[in-house]
């Protein structure tokens, strides 16, 4: 365990038990969410490549519409 994580856990250990439970639940949810994003991103490589190729093709064919961020 690195020093920063060790410090975070050490400080969390000083919290009341209810807050420790909430912190632990939040930390586990964040780790699970990160794992799900990593899996989803890893699976999306082919789709992202297809979308990028399509966008480049549209741009080369001059079928792109420039968006103005100041208008809706």
PDB file of N, CA and C in Angstrom:
ATOM      1  N   UNK A   1       0.867  -1.173   0.000  1.00  0.00           N
ATOM      2  CA  UNK A   1       0.000   0.000   0.000  1.00  0.00           C
ATOM      3  C   UNK A   1       0.904   1.223   0.000  1.00  0.00           C
ATOM      4  N   UNK A   2       0.568   2.216  -0.816  1.00  0.00           N
ATOM      5  CA  UNK A   2       1.408   3.411  -0.844  1.00  0.00           C
ATOM      6  C   UNK A   2       1.071   4.343   0.328  1.00  0.00           C
ATOM      7  N   UNK A   3       1.936   5.327   0.521  1.00  0.00           N
ATOM      8  CA  UNK A   3       1.817   6.202   1.703  1.00  0.00           C
ATOM      9  C   UNK A   3       0.529   7.026   1.703  1.00  0.00           C
ATOM     10  N   UNK A   4       0.119   7.533   0.552  1.00  0.00           N
ATOM     11  CA  UNK A   4      -1.083   8.367   0.497  1.00  0.00           C
ATOM     12  C   UNK A   4      -2.334   7.552   0.838  1.00  0.00           C
ATOM     13  N   UNK A   5      -2.422   6.358   0.297  1.00  0.00           N
ATOM     14  CA  UNK A   5      -3.569   5.506   0.605  1.00  0.00           C
ATOM     15  C   UNK A   5      -3.550   5.109   2.081  1.00  0.00           C
ATOM     16  N   UNK A   6      -2.363   4.827   2.579  1.00  0.00           N
ATOM     17  CA  UNK A   6      -2.218   4.500   3.997  1.00  0.00           C
ATOM     18  C   UNK A   6      -2.680   5.670   4.868  1.00  0.00           C
ATOM     19  N   UNK A   7      -2.321   6.895   4.464  1.00  0.00           N
ATOM     20  CA  UNK A   7      -2.740   8.091   5.204  1.00  0.00           C
ATOM     21  C   UNK A   7      -4.262   8.251   5.162  1.00  0.00           C
ATOM     22  N   UNK A   8      -4.862   8.030   3.988  1.00  0.00           N
ATOM     23  CA  UNK A   8      -6.318   8.159   3.853  1.00  0.00           C
ATOM     24  C   UNK A   8      -7.030   7.164   4.758  1.00  0.00           C
ATOM     25  N   UNK A   9      -6.562   5.918   4.769  1.00  0.00           N
ATOM     26  CA  UNK A   9      -7.187   4.921   5.631  1.00  0.00           C
ATOM     27  C   UNK A   9      -6.957   5.225   7.102  1.00  0.00           C
ATOM     28  N   UNK A  10      -5.790   5.740   7.415  1.00  0.00           N
ATOM     29  CA  UNK A  10      -5.496   6.097   8.801  1.00  0.00           C
ATOM     30  C   UNK A  10      -6.433   7.203   9.278  1.00  0.00           C
ATOM     31  N   UNK A  11      -6.651   8.198   8.436  1.00  0.00           N
ATOM     32  CA  UNK A  11      -7.559   9.288   8.806  1.00  0.00           C
ATOM     33  C   UNK A  11      -9.008   8.806   8.853  1.00  0.00           C
ATOM     34  N   UNK A  12      -9.372   7.933   7.932  1.00  0.00           N
ATOM     35  CA  UNK A  12     -10.729   7.402   7.934  1.00  0.00           C
ATOM     36  C   UNK A  12     -10.984   6.590   9.208  1.00  0.00           C
ATOM     37  N   UNK A  13      -9.944   5.962   9.719  1.00  0.00           N
ATOM     38  CA  UNK A  13     -10.086   5.148  10.930  1.00  0.00           C
ATOM     39  C   UNK A  13     -10.429   5.992  12.157  1.00  0.00           C
ATOM     40  N   UNK A  14     -10.198   7.304  12.090  1.00  0.00           N
ATOM     41  CA  UNK A  14     -10.519   8.179  13.230  1.00  0.00           C
ATOM     42  C   UNK A  14     -11.970   8.640  13.205  1.00  0.00           C
ATOM     43  N   UNK A  15     -12.671   8.369  12.117  1.00  0.00           N
ATOM     44  CA  UNK A  15     -14.073   8.782  11.994  1.00  0.00           C
ATOM     45  C   UNK A  15     -14.954   7.891  12.867  1.00  0.00           C
ATOM     46  N   UNK A  16     -16.131   8.400  13.231  1.00  0.00           N
ATOM     47  CA  UNK A  16     -17.093   7.537  13.932  1.00  0.00           C
ATOM     48  C   UNK A  16     -17.434   6.326  13.057  1.00  0.00           C
ATOM     49  N   UNK A  17     -17.831   5.231  13.690  1.00  0.00           N
ATOM     50  CA  UNK A  17     -18.072   3.982  12.964  1.00  0.00           C
ATOM     51  C   UNK A  17     -19.056   4.141  11.811  1.00  0.00           C
ATOM     52  N   UNK A  18     -20.113   4.897  12.006  1.00  0.00           N
ATOM     53  CA  UNK A  18     -21.110   5.092  10.943  1.00  0.00           C
ATOM     54  C   UNK A  18     -20.481   5.782   9.730  1.00  0.00           C
ATOM     55  N   UNK A  19     -19.621   6.761   9.974  1.00  0.00           N
ATOM     56  CA  UNK A  19     -18.956   7.458   8.870  1.00  0.00           C
ATOM     57  C   UNK A  19     -17.910   6.560   8.208  1.00  0.00           C
ATOM     58  N   UNK A  20     -17.265   5.699   8.982  1.00  0.00           N
ATOM     59  CA  UNK A  20     -16.329   4.739   8.406  1.00  0.00           C
ATOM     60  C   UNK A  20     -17.065   3.798   7.459  1.00  0.00           C
ATOM     61  N   UNK A  21     -18.243   3.350   7.885  1.00  0.00           N
ATOM     62  CA  UNK A  21     -19.060   2.468   7.040  1.00  0.00           C
ATOM     63  C   UNK A  21     -19.433   3.171   5.739  1.00  0.00           C
ATOM     64  N   UNK A  22     -19.847   4.429   5.844  1.00  0.00           N
ATOM     65  CA  UNK A  22     -20.233   5.197   4.659  1.00  0.00           C
ATOM     66  C   UNK A  22     -19.032   5.390   3.732  1.00  0.00           C
ATOM     67  N   UNK A  23     -17.883   5.704   4.326  1.00  0.00           N
ATOM     68  CA  UNK A  23     -16.665   5.899   3.532  1.00  0.00           C
ATOM     69  C   UNK A  23     -16.283   4.605   2.818  1.00  0.00           C
ATOM     70  N   UNK A  24     -16.315   3.488   3.550  1.00  0.00           N
ATOM     71  CA  UNK A  24     -15.955   2.195   2.964  1.00  0.00           C
ATOM     72  C   UNK A  24     -16.915   1.825   1.830  1.00  0.00           C
ATOM     73  N   UNK A  25     -18.208   2.048   2.036  1.00  0.00           N
ATOM     74  CA  UNK A  25     -19.200   1.748   0.993  1.00  0.00           C
ATOM     75  C   UNK A  25     -18.948   2.608  -0.244  1.00  0.00           C
ATOM     76  N   UNK A  26     -18.654   3.885  -0.025  1.00  0.00           N
ATOM     77  CA  UNK A  26     -18.371   4.794  -1.149  1.00  0.00           C
ATOM     78  C   UNK A  26     -17.133   4.331  -1.904  1.00  0.00           C
ATOM     79  N   UNK A  27     -16.078   3.978  -1.153  1.00  0.00           N
ATOM     80  CA  UNK A  27     -14.820   3.550  -1.776  1.00  0.00           C
ATOM     81  C   UNK A  27     -15.037   2.291  -2.615  1.00  0.00           C
ATOM     82  N   UNK A  28     -15.766   1.328  -2.079  1.00  0.00           N
ATOM     83  CA  UNK A  28     -16.033   0.097  -2.826  1.00  0.00           C
ATOM     84  C   UNK A  28     -16.883   0.359  -4.066  1.00  0.00           C
ATOM     85  N   UNK A  29     -17.854   1.255  -3.961  1.00  0.00           N
ATOM     86  CA  UNK A  29     -18.675   1.609  -5.120  1.00  0.00           C
ATOM     87  C   UNK A  29     -17.824   2.280  -6.200  1.00  0.00           C
ATOM     88  N   UNK A  30     -16.917   3.155  -5.784  1.00  0.00           N
ATOM     89  CA  UNK A  30     -16.040   3.831  -6.747  1.00  0.00           C
ATOM     90  C   UNK A  30     -15.128   2.835  -7.463  1.00  0.00           C
ATOM     91  N   UNK A  31     -14.570   1.894  -6.705  1.00  0.00           N
ATOM     92  CA  UNK A  31     -13.698   0.889  -7.310  1.00  0.00           C
ATOM     93  C   UNK A  31     -14.476   0.010  -8.288  1.00  0.00           C
ATOM     94  N   UNK A  32     -15.684  -0.365  -7.920  1.00  0.00           N
ATOM     95  CA  UNK A  32     -16.524  -1.170  -8.800  1.00  0.00           C
ATOM     96  C   UNK A  32     -16.891  -0.395 -10.064  1.00  0.00           C
ATOM     97  N   UNK A  33     -17.215   0.873  -9.901  1.00  0.00           N
ATOM     98  CA  UNK A  33     -17.556   1.722 -11.044  1.00  0.00           C
ATOM     99  C   UNK A  33     -16.361   1.846 -11.995  1.00  0.00           C
ATOM    100  N   UNK A  34     -15.178   2.022 -11.439  1.00  0.00           N
ATOM    101  CA  UNK A  34     -13.970   2.139 -12.265  1.00  0.00           C
ATOM    102  C   UNK A  34     -13.733   0.848 -13.041  1.00  0.00           C
ATOM    103  N   UNK A  35     -13.927  -0.299 -12.388  1.00  0.00           N
ATOM    104  CA  UNK A  35     -13.766  -1.584 -13.074  1.00  0.00           C
ATOM    105  C   UNK A  35     -14.750  -1.711 -14.234  1.00  0.00           C
ATOM    106  N   UNK A  36     -16.007  -1.318 -13.989  1.00  0.00           N
ATOM    107  CA  UNK A  36     -17.016  -1.405 -15.060  1.00  0.00           C
ATOM    108  C   UNK A  36     -16.655  -0.497 -16.227  1.00  0.00           C
ATOM    109  N   UNK A  37     -16.153   0.725 -15.950  1.00  0.00           N
ATOM    110  CA  UNK A  37     -15.748   1.633 -17.028  1.00  0.00           C
ATOM    111  C   UNK A  37     -14.586   1.050 -17.818  1.00  0.00           C
ATOM    112  N   UNK A  38     -13.623   0.459 -17.125  1.00  0.00           N
ATOM    113  CA  UNK A  38     -12.481  -0.133 -17.818  1.00  0.00           C
ATOM    114  C   UNK A  38     -12.917  -1.261 -18.746  1.00  0.00           C
ATOM    115  N   UNK A  39     -13.837  -2.097 -18.269  1.00  0.00           N
ATOM    116  CA  UNK A  39     -14.343  -3.199 -19.094  1.00  0.00           C
ATOM    117  C   UNK A  39     -15.113  -2.645 -20.293  1.00  0.00           C
ATOM    118  N   UNK A  40     -15.990  -1.688 -20.055  1.00  0.00           N
ATOM    119  CA  UNK A  40     -16.783  -1.102 -21.147  1.00  0.00           C
ATOM    120  C   UNK A  40     -15.882  -0.421 -22.170  1.00  0.00           C
ATOM    121  N   UNK A  41     -14.879   0.295 -21.700  1.00  0.00           N
ATOM    122  CA  UNK A  41     -13.970   0.985 -22.617  1.00  0.00           C
ATOM    123  C   UNK A  41     -13.164  -0.021 -23.430  1.00  0.00           C
ATOM    124  N   UNK A  42     -12.699  -1.087 -22.780  1.00  0.00           N
ATOM    125  CA  UNK A  42     -11.929  -2.110 -23.494  1.00  0.00           C
ATOM    126  C   UNK A  42     -12.762  -2.762 -24.589  1.00  0.00           C
ATOM    127  N   UNK A  43     -14.039  -2.938 -24.342  1.00  0.00           N
ATOM    128  CA  UNK A  43     -14.924  -3.578 -25.321  1.00  0.00           C
ATOM    129  C   UNK A  43     -15.336  -2.633 -26.440  1.00  0.00           C
ATOM    130  N   UNK A  44     -15.141  -1.337 -26.250  1.00  0.00           N
ATOM    131  CA  UNK A  44     -15.652  -0.369 -27.222  1.00  0.00           C
ATOM    132  C   UNK A  44     -14.636   0.027 -28.287  1.00  0.00           C
ATOM    133  N   UNK A  45     -13.441  -0.546 -28.252  1.00  0.00           N
ATOM    134  CA  UNK A  45     -12.388  -0.160 -29.186  1.00  0.00           C
ATOM    135  C   UNK A  45     -12.796  -0.234 -30.643  1.00  0.00           C
ATOM    136  N   UNK A  46     -13.383  -1.367 -31.053  1.00  0.00           N
ATOM    137  CA  UNK A  46     -13.785  -1.530 -32.454  1.00  0.00           C
ATOM    138  C   UNK A  46     -14.854  -0.521 -32.840  1.00  0.00           C
ATOM    139  N   UNK A  47     -15.825  -0.321 -31.967  1.00  0.00           N
ATOM    140  CA  UNK A  47     -16.895   0.633 -32.254  1.00  0.00           C
ATOM    141  C   UNK A  47     -16.332   2.049 -32.368  1.00  0.00           C
ATOM    142  N   UNK A  48     -15.421   2.417 -31.469  1.00  0.00           N
ATOM    143  CA  UNK A  48     -14.823   3.753 -31.529  1.00  0.00           C
ATOM    144  C   UNK A  48     -14.030   3.938 -32.815  1.00  0.00           C
ATOM    145  N   UNK A  49     -13.328   2.907 -33.246  1.00  0.00           N
ATOM    146  CA  UNK A  49     -12.564   2.983 -34.494  1.00  0.00           C
ATOM    147  C   UNK A  49     -13.504   3.166 -35.681  1.00  0.00           C
ATOM    148  N   UNK A  50     -14.620   2.444 -35.678  1.00  0.00           N
ATOM    149  CA  UNK A  50     -15.611   2.593 -36.758  1.00  0.00           C
ATOM    150  C   UNK A  50     -16.185   4.008 -36.781  1.00  0.00           C
ATOM    151  N   UNK A  51     -16.544   4.530 -35.615  1.00  0.00           N
ATOM    152  CA  UNK A  51     -17.110   5.881 -35.542  1.00  0.00           C
ATOM    153  C   UNK A  51     -16.098   6.925 -35.990  1.00  0.00           C
ATOM    154  N   UNK A  52     -14.842   6.747 -35.622  1.00  0.00           N
ATOM    155  CA  UNK A  52     -13.803   7.686 -36.044  1.00  0.00           C
ATOM    156  C   UNK A  52     -13.623   7.643 -37.558  1.00  0.00           C
ATOM    157  N   UNK A  53     -13.604   6.449 -38.121  1.00  0.00           N
ATOM    158  CA  UNK A  53     -13.461   6.315 -39.576  1.00  0.00           C
ATOM    159  C   UNK A  53     -14.645   6.955 -40.289  1.00  0.00           C
ATOM    160  N   UNK A  54     -15.839   6.758 -39.754  1.00  0.00           N
ATOM    161  CA  UNK A  54     -17.037   7.367 -40.347  1.00  0.00           C
ATOM    162  C   UNK A  54     -16.959   8.892 -40.279  1.00  0.00           C
ATOM    163  N   UNK A  55     -16.518   9.421 -39.160  1.00  0.00           N
ATOM    164  CA  UNK A  55     -16.408  10.872 -39.009  1.00  0.00           C
ATOM    165  C   UNK A  55     -15.379  11.438 -39.980  1.00  0.00           C
ATOM    166  N   UNK A  56     -14.255  10.761 -40.126  1.00  0.00           N
ATOM    167  CA  UNK A  56     -13.235  11.234 -41.073  1.00  0.00           C
ATOM    168  C   UNK A  56     -13.750  11.187 -42.500  1.00  0.00           C
ATOM    169  N   UNK A  57     -14.479  10.139 -42.839  1.00  0.00           N
ATOM    170  CA  UNK A  57     -15.055  10.021 -44.174  1.00  0.00           C
ATOM    171  C   UNK A  57     -16.047  11.153 -44.440  1.00  0.00           C
ATOM    172  N   UNK A  58     -16.896  11.425 -43.468  1.00  0.00           N
ATOM    173  CA  UNK A  58     -17.861  12.528 -43.597  1.00  0.00           C
ATOM    174  C   UNK A  58     -17.141  13.859 -43.770  1.00  0.00           C
ATOM    175  N   UNK A  59     -16.060  14.053 -43.026  1.00  0.00           N
ATOM    176  CA  UNK A  59     -15.307  15.304 -43.122  1.00  0.00           C
ATOM    177  C   UNK A  59     -14.671  15.444 -44.505  1.00  0.00           C
ATOM    178  N   UNK A  60     -14.061  14.357 -44.989  1.00  0.00           N
ATOM    179  CA  UNK A  60     -13.431  14.406 -46.316  1.00  0.00           C
ATOM    180  C   UNK A  60     -14.462  14.684 -47.408  1.00  0.00           C
ATOM    181  N   UNK A  61     -15.679  14.191 -47.224  1.00  0.00           N
ATOM    182  CA  UNK A  61     -16.742  14.403 -48.205  1.00  0.00           C
ATOM    183  C   UNK A  61     -17.428  15.751 -47.996  1.00  0.00           C
ATOM    184  N   UNK A  62     -16.937  16.504 -47.033  1.00  0.00           N
ATOM    185  CA  UNK A  62     -17.471  17.836 -46.700  1.00  0.00           C
ATOM    186  C   UNK A  62     -18.954  17.778 -46.344  1.00  0.00           C
ATOM    187  N   UNK A  63     -19.342  16.733 -45.637  1.00  0.00           N
ATOM    188  CA  UNK A  63     -20.721  16.602 -45.200  1.00  0.00           C
ATOM    189  C   UNK A  63     -20.875  16.939 -43.717  1.00  0.00           C
ATOM    190  N   UNK A  64     -19.857  17.551 -43.168  1.00  0.00           N
ATOM    191  CA  UNK A  64     -19.893  17.917 -41.752  1.00  0.00           C
ATOM    192  C   UNK A  64     -20.562  19.279 -41.602  1.00  0.00           C
ATOM    193  N   UNK A  65     -21.256  19.454 -40.513  1.00  0.00           N
ATOM    194  CA  UNK A  65     -21.865  20.730 -40.188  1.00  0.00           C
ATOM    195  C   UNK A  65     -21.128  21.283 -38.990  1.00  0.00           C
ATOM    196  N   UNK A  66     -20.548  22.450 -39.166  1.00  0.00           N
ATOM    197  CA  UNK A  66     -19.825  23.060 -38.049  1.00  0.00           C
ATOM    198  C   UNK A  66     -20.831  23.568 -37.032  1.00  0.00           C
ATOM    199  N   UNK A  67     -20.617  23.203 -35.789  1.00  0.00           N
ATOM    200  CA  UNK A  67     -21.518  23.606 -34.728  1.00  0.00           C
ATOM    201  C   UNK A  67     -21.015  24.888 -34.071  1.00  0.00           C
ATOM    202  N   UNK A  68     -21.942  25.748 -33.758  1.00  0.00           N
ATOM    203  CA  UNK A  68     -21.622  26.989 -33.068  1.00  0.00           C
ATOM    204  C   UNK A  68     -21.975  26.799 -31.592  1.00  0.00           C
ATOM    205  N   UNK A  69     -20.996  26.794 -30.704  1.00  0.00           N
ATOM    206  CA  UNK A  69     -21.287  26.554 -29.285  1.00  0.00           C
ATOM    207  C   UNK A  69     -22.131  27.649 -28.638  1.00  0.00           C
ATOM    208  N   UNK A  70     -22.240  28.795 -29.318  1.00  0.00           N
ATOM    209  CA  UNK A  70     -23.029  29.889 -28.755  1.00  0.00           C
ATOM    210  C   UNK A  70     -24.520  29.818 -29.112  1.00  0.00           C
ATOM    211  N   UNK A  71     -24.870  28.850 -29.964  1.00  0.00           N
ATOM    212  CA  UNK A  71     -26.281  28.671 -30.329  1.00  0.00           C
ATOM    213  C   UNK A  71     -26.718  27.273 -29.946  1.00  0.00           C
ATOM    214  N   UNK A  72     -28.010  27.096 -29.828  1.00  0.00           N
ATOM    215  CA  UNK A  72     -28.511  25.770 -29.471  1.00  0.00           C
ATOM    216  C   UNK A  72     -28.987  25.033 -30.657  1.00  0.00           C
TER     217      UNK A  72
END
